[in-house]
Amino acid sequence: MQNYRMGLVMLGDISGQIARSKAFSEFVGEINRIGYHLFAADRSEHCPDNLNGCKLV
């Protein structure tokens, strides 16, 4: 999706899964750090500055 300059936002509370899996926690952290895609707990987190023009569909 980054080839089309589109970001992907995955909404939902995954704190339980992150707490249970170090590998998943590191994966989510890396995805959010890179900035093409984002894991967010709710809509208030869905559109940071690094995802210009993002919208929920």
PDB file of N, CA and C in Angstrom:
ATOM      1  N   MET A   1       0.811  -1.186   0.000  1.00  0.00           N
ATOM      2  CA  MET A   1       0.000   0.000   0.000  1.00  0.00           C
ATOM      3  C   MET A   1       0.860   1.257   0.000  1.00  0.00           C
ATOM      4  N   GLN A   2       2.057   1.179   0.524  1.00  0.00           N
ATOM      5  CA  GLN A   2       2.883   2.380   0.545  1.00  0.00           C
ATOM      6  C   GLN A   2       3.292   2.805  -0.847  1.00  0.00           C
ATOM      7  N   ASN A   3       3.252   1.900  -1.824  1.00  0.00           N
ATOM      8  CA  ASN A   3       3.544   2.285  -3.196  1.00  0.00           C
ATOM      9  C   ASN A   3       2.522   3.269  -3.737  1.00  0.00           C
ATOM     10  N   TYR A   4       1.314   3.238  -3.213  1.00  0.00           N
ATOM     11  CA  TYR A   4       0.246   4.133  -3.643  1.00  0.00           C
ATOM     12  C   TYR A   4       0.095   5.314  -2.693  1.00  0.00           C
ATOM     13  N   ARG A   5       1.049   5.478  -1.782  1.00  0.00           N
ATOM     14  CA  ARG A   5       1.039   6.547  -0.785  1.00  0.00           C
ATOM     15  C   ARG A   5      -0.239   6.525   0.055  1.00  0.00           C
ATOM     16  N   MET A   6      -0.679   5.317   0.372  1.00  0.00           N
ATOM     17  CA  MET A   6      -1.852   5.139   1.225  1.00  0.00           C
ATOM     18  C   MET A   6      -1.402   4.466   2.513  1.00  0.00           C
ATOM     19  N   GLY A   7      -1.887   4.964   3.619  1.00  0.00           N
ATOM     20  CA  GLY A   7      -1.604   4.336   4.895  1.00  0.00           C
ATOM     21  C   GLY A   7      -2.739   3.413   5.288  1.00  0.00           C
ATOM     22  N   LEU A   8      -2.427   2.464   6.126  1.00  0.00           N
ATOM     23  CA  LEU A   8      -3.429   1.537   6.637  1.00  0.00           C
ATOM     24  C   LEU A   8      -3.484   1.712   8.146  1.00  0.00           C
ATOM     25  N   VAL A   9      -4.659   1.969   8.675  1.00  0.00           N
ATOM     26  CA  VAL A   9      -4.845   2.108  10.116  1.00  0.00           C
ATOM     27  C   VAL A   9      -5.659   0.928  10.599  1.00  0.00           C
ATOM     28  N   MET A  10      -5.108   0.182  11.563  1.00  0.00           N
ATOM     29  CA  MET A  10      -5.808  -0.950  12.153  1.00  0.00           C
ATOM     30  C   MET A  10      -6.322  -0.508  13.513  1.00  0.00           C
ATOM     31  N   LEU A  11      -7.647  -0.361  13.614  1.00  0.00           N
ATOM     32  CA  LEU A  11      -8.271   0.129  14.849  1.00  0.00           C
ATOM     33  C   LEU A  11      -8.671  -1.027  15.743  1.00  0.00           C
ATOM     34  N   GLY A  12      -8.435  -0.853  17.020  1.00  0.00           N
ATOM     35  CA  GLY A  12      -8.872  -1.846  17.995  1.00  0.00           C
ATOM     36  C   GLY A  12      -7.888  -1.950  19.140  1.00  0.00           C
ATOM     37  N   ASP A  13      -8.380  -2.365  20.273  1.00  0.00           N
ATOM     38  CA  ASP A  13      -7.545  -2.511  21.454  1.00  0.00           C
ATOM     39  C   ASP A  13      -6.828  -3.851  21.388  1.00  0.00           C
ATOM     40  N   ILE A  14      -5.536  -3.802  21.201  1.00  0.00           N
ATOM     41  CA  ILE A  14      -4.726  -5.027  21.132  1.00  0.00           C
ATOM     42  C   ILE A  14      -3.750  -5.092  22.307  1.00  0.00           C
ATOM     43  N   SER A  15      -4.042  -4.347  23.367  1.00  0.00           N
ATOM     44  CA  SER A  15      -3.128  -4.303  24.516  1.00  0.00           C
ATOM     45  C   SER A  15      -2.933  -5.675  25.152  1.00  0.00           C
ATOM     46  N   GLY A  16      -3.968  -6.481  25.181  1.00  0.00           N
ATOM     47  CA  GLY A  16      -3.848  -7.830  25.741  1.00  0.00           C
ATOM     48  C   GLY A  16      -2.894  -8.700  24.936  1.00  0.00           C
ATOM     49  N   GLN A  17      -3.029  -8.658  23.608  1.00  0.00           N
ATOM     50  CA  GLN A  17      -2.149  -9.433  22.741  1.00  0.00           C
ATOM     51  C   GLN A  17      -0.707  -8.943  22.836  1.00  0.00           C
ATOM     52  N   ILE A  18      -0.541  -7.626  22.940  1.00  0.00           N
ATOM     53  CA  ILE A  18       0.806  -7.053  23.062  1.00  0.00           C
ATOM     54  C   ILE A  18       1.449  -7.498  24.378  1.00  0.00           C
ATOM     55  N   ALA A  19       0.659  -7.529  25.445  1.00  0.00           N
ATOM     56  CA  ALA A  19       1.180  -7.940  26.749  1.00  0.00           C
ATOM     57  C   ALA A  19       1.598  -9.405  26.758  1.00  0.00           C
ATOM     58  N   ARG A  20       0.923 -10.241  25.970  1.00  0.00           N
ATOM     59  CA  ARG A  20       1.215 -11.670  25.958  1.00  0.00           C
ATOM     60  C   ARG A  20       2.338 -12.065  25.016  1.00  0.00           C
ATOM     61  N   SER A  21       2.691 -11.216  24.064  1.00  0.00           N
ATOM     62  CA  SER A  21       3.668 -11.620  23.057  1.00  0.00           C
ATOM     63  C   SER A  21       4.715 -10.536  22.823  1.00  0.00           C
ATOM     64  N   LYS A  22       5.951 -10.845  23.198  1.00  0.00           N
ATOM     65  CA  LYS A  22       7.034  -9.884  22.970  1.00  0.00           C
ATOM     66  C   LYS A  22       7.232  -9.654  21.469  1.00  0.00           C
ATOM     67  N   ALA A  23       7.150 -10.721  20.669  1.00  0.00           N
ATOM     68  CA  ALA A  23       7.341 -10.591  19.218  1.00  0.00           C
ATOM     69  C   ALA A  23       6.268  -9.694  18.604  1.00  0.00           C
ATOM     70  N   PHE A  24       5.013  -9.885  19.008  1.00  0.00           N
ATOM     71  CA  PHE A  24       3.930  -9.056  18.475  1.00  0.00           C
ATOM     72  C   PHE A  24       4.090  -7.606  18.924  1.00  0.00           C
ATOM     73  N   SER A  25       4.491  -7.417  20.180  1.00  0.00           N
ATOM     74  CA  SER A  25       4.726  -6.073  20.687  1.00  0.00           C
ATOM     75  C   SER A  25       5.799  -5.357  19.874  1.00  0.00           C
ATOM     76  N   GLU A  26       6.878  -6.058  19.567  1.00  0.00           N
ATOM     77  CA  GLU A  26       7.951  -5.466  18.764  1.00  0.00           C
ATOM     78  C   GLU A  26       7.486  -5.189  17.336  1.00  0.00           C
ATOM     79  N   PHE A  27       6.666  -6.087  16.786  1.00  0.00           N
ATOM     80  CA  PHE A  27       6.120  -5.899  15.441  1.00  0.00           C
ATOM     81  C   PHE A  27       5.260  -4.632  15.382  1.00  0.00           C
ATOM     82  N   VAL A  28       4.355  -4.477  16.339  1.00  0.00           N
ATOM     83  CA  VAL A  28       3.481  -3.300  16.378  1.00  0.00           C
ATOM     84  C   VAL A  28       4.309  -2.033  16.553  1.00  0.00           C
ATOM     85  N   GLY A  29       5.288  -2.087  17.442  1.00  0.00           N
ATOM     86  CA  GLY A  29       6.152  -0.928  17.650  1.00  0.00           C
ATOM     87  C   GLY A  29       6.900  -0.539  16.386  1.00  0.00           C
ATOM     88  N   GLU A  30       7.402  -1.525  15.657  1.00  0.00           N
ATOM     89  CA  GLU A  30       8.134  -1.243  14.410  1.00  0.00           C
ATOM     90  C   GLU A  30       7.204  -0.678  13.336  1.00  0.00           C
ATOM     91  N   ILE A  31       6.014  -1.245  13.209  1.00  0.00           N
ATOM     92  CA  ILE A  31       5.040  -0.743  12.230  1.00  0.00           C
ATOM     93  C   ILE A  31       4.694   0.715  12.537  1.00  0.00           C
ATOM     94  N   ASN A  32       4.419   1.016  13.797  1.00  0.00           N
ATOM     95  CA  ASN A  32       4.065   2.388  14.170  1.00  0.00           C
ATOM     96  C   ASN A  32       5.251   3.339  14.032  1.00  0.00           C
ATOM     97  N   ARG A  33       6.464   2.854  14.304  1.00  0.00           N
ATOM     98  CA  ARG A  33       7.647   3.700  14.201  1.00  0.00           C
ATOM     99  C   ARG A  33       7.929   4.082  12.757  1.00  0.00           C
ATOM    100  N   ILE A  34       7.790   3.125  11.832  1.00  0.00           N
ATOM    101  CA  ILE A  34       8.064   3.393  10.412  1.00  0.00           C
ATOM    102  C   ILE A  34       7.065   4.407   9.868  1.00  0.00           C
ATOM    103  N   GLY A  35       5.788   4.273  10.219  1.00  0.00           N
ATOM    104  CA  GLY A  35       4.814   5.300   9.902  1.00  0.00           C
ATOM    105  C   GLY A  35       3.973   5.111   8.650  1.00  0.00           C
ATOM    106  N   TYR A  36       4.219   4.089   7.841  1.00  0.00           N
ATOM    107  CA  TYR A  36       3.353   3.871   6.674  1.00  0.00           C
ATOM    108  C   TYR A  36       1.982   3.370   7.119  1.00  0.00           C
ATOM    109  N   HIS A  37       1.979   2.552   8.144  1.00  0.00           N
ATOM    110  CA  HIS A  37       0.753   1.968   8.676  1.00  0.00           C
ATOM    111  C   HIS A  37       0.733   2.223  10.174  1.00  0.00           C
ATOM    112  N   LEU A  38      -0.412   1.989  10.803  1.00  0.00           N
ATOM    113  CA  LEU A  38      -0.554   2.332  12.209  1.00  0.00           C
ATOM    114  C   LEU A  38      -1.529   1.402  12.902  1.00  0.00           C
ATOM    115  N   PHE A  39      -1.161   0.948  14.082  1.00  0.00           N
ATOM    116  CA  PHE A  39      -2.088   0.282  14.986  1.00  0.00           C
ATOM    117  C   PHE A  39      -2.569   1.347  15.955  1.00  0.00           C
ATOM    118  N   ALA A  40      -3.879   1.511  16.105  1.00  0.00           N
ATOM    119  CA  ALA A  40      -4.434   2.524  17.006  1.00  0.00           C
ATOM    120  C   ALA A  40      -5.592   1.917  17.789  1.00  0.00           C
ATOM    121  N   ALA A  41      -5.688   2.291  19.050  1.00  0.00           N
ATOM    122  CA  ALA A  41      -6.734   1.748  19.917  1.00  0.00           C
ATOM    123  C   ALA A  41      -8.123   2.271  19.558  1.00  0.00           C
ATOM    124  N   ASP A  42      -8.202   3.525  19.123  1.00  0.00           N
ATOM    125  CA  ASP A  42      -9.512   4.089  18.790  1.00  0.00           C
ATOM    126  C   ASP A  42      -9.360   5.192  17.741  1.00  0.00           C
ATOM    127  N   ARG A  43     -10.467   5.746  17.339  1.00  0.00           N
ATOM    128  CA  ARG A  43     -10.467   6.751  16.268  1.00  0.00           C
ATOM    129  C   ARG A  43      -9.704   8.019  16.627  1.00  0.00           C
ATOM    130  N   SER A  44      -9.575   8.324  17.893  1.00  0.00           N
ATOM    131  CA  SER A  44      -8.875   9.545  18.273  1.00  0.00           C
ATOM    132  C   SER A  44      -7.391   9.472  17.933  1.00  0.00           C
ATOM    133  N   GLU A  45      -6.860   8.259  17.732  1.00  0.00           N
ATOM    134  CA  GLU A  45      -5.456   8.082  17.384  1.00  0.00           C
ATOM    135  C   GLU A  45      -5.260   7.847  15.892  1.00  0.00           C
ATOM    136  N   HIS A  46      -6.309   7.842  15.097  1.00  0.00           N
ATOM    137  CA  HIS A  46      -6.238   7.283  13.744  1.00  0.00           C
ATOM    138  C   HIS A  46      -5.535   8.129  12.700  1.00  0.00           C
ATOM    139  N   CYS A  47      -5.255   9.386  12.960  1.00  0.00           N
ATOM    140  CA  CYS A  47      -4.729  10.203  11.877  1.00  0.00           C
ATOM    141  C   CYS A  47      -3.573  11.099  12.335  1.00  0.00           C
ATOM    142  N   PRO A  48      -2.432  10.503  12.656  1.00  0.00           N
ATOM    143  CA  PRO A  48      -1.286  11.328  13.056  1.00  0.00           C
ATOM    144  C   PRO A  48      -0.700  12.072  11.860  1.00  0.00           C
ATOM    145  N   ASP A  49       0.191  12.988  12.134  1.00  0.00           N
ATOM    146  CA  ASP A  49       0.790  13.813  11.085  1.00  0.00           C
ATOM    147  C   ASP A  49       1.494  13.005  10.002  1.00  0.00           C
ATOM    148  N   ASN A  50       2.047  11.838  10.358  1.00  0.00           N
ATOM    149  CA  ASN A  50       2.793  11.073   9.357  1.00  0.00           C
ATOM    150  C   ASN A  50       1.892  10.282   8.408  1.00  0.00           C
ATOM    151  N   LEU A  51       0.577  10.321   8.588  1.00  0.00           N
ATOM    152  CA  LEU A  51      -0.359   9.688   7.656  1.00  0.00           C
ATOM    153  C   LEU A  51      -1.234  10.780   7.059  1.00  0.00           C
ATOM    154  N   ASN A  52      -0.653  11.637   6.268  1.00  0.00           N
ATOM    155  CA  ASN A  52      -1.350  12.791   5.703  1.00  0.00           C
ATOM    156  C   ASN A  52      -2.593  12.367   4.936  1.00  0.00           C
ATOM    157  N   GLY A  53      -3.678  13.016   5.225  1.00  0.00           N
ATOM    158  CA  GLY A  53      -4.898  12.788   4.473  1.00  0.00           C
ATOM    159  C   GLY A  53      -5.599  11.476   4.779  1.00  0.00           C
ATOM    160  N   CYS A  54      -5.285  10.827   5.872  1.00  0.00           N
ATOM    161  CA  CYS A  54      -5.939   9.550   6.143  1.00  0.00           C
ATOM    162  C   CYS A  54      -7.397   9.772   6.517  1.00  0.00           C
ATOM    163  N   LYS A  55      -8.206   8.804   6.205  1.00  0.00           N
ATOM    164  CA  LYS A  55      -9.617   8.859   6.570  1.00  0.00           C
ATOM    165  C   LYS A  55     -10.115   7.446   6.774  1.00  0.00           C
ATOM    166  N   LEU A  56     -11.140   7.305   7.547  1.00  0.00           N
ATOM    167  CA  LEU A  56     -11.721   5.983   7.775  1.00  0.00           C
ATOM    168  C   LEU A  56     -12.712   5.680   6.676  1.00  0.00           C
ATOM    169  N   VAL A  57     -12.642   4.483   6.164  1.00  0.00           N
ATOM    170  CA  VAL A  57     -13.597   4.067   5.133  1.00  0.00           C
ATOM    171  C   VAL A  57     -14.274   2.797   5.546  1.00  0.00           C
TER     172      VAL A  57
END
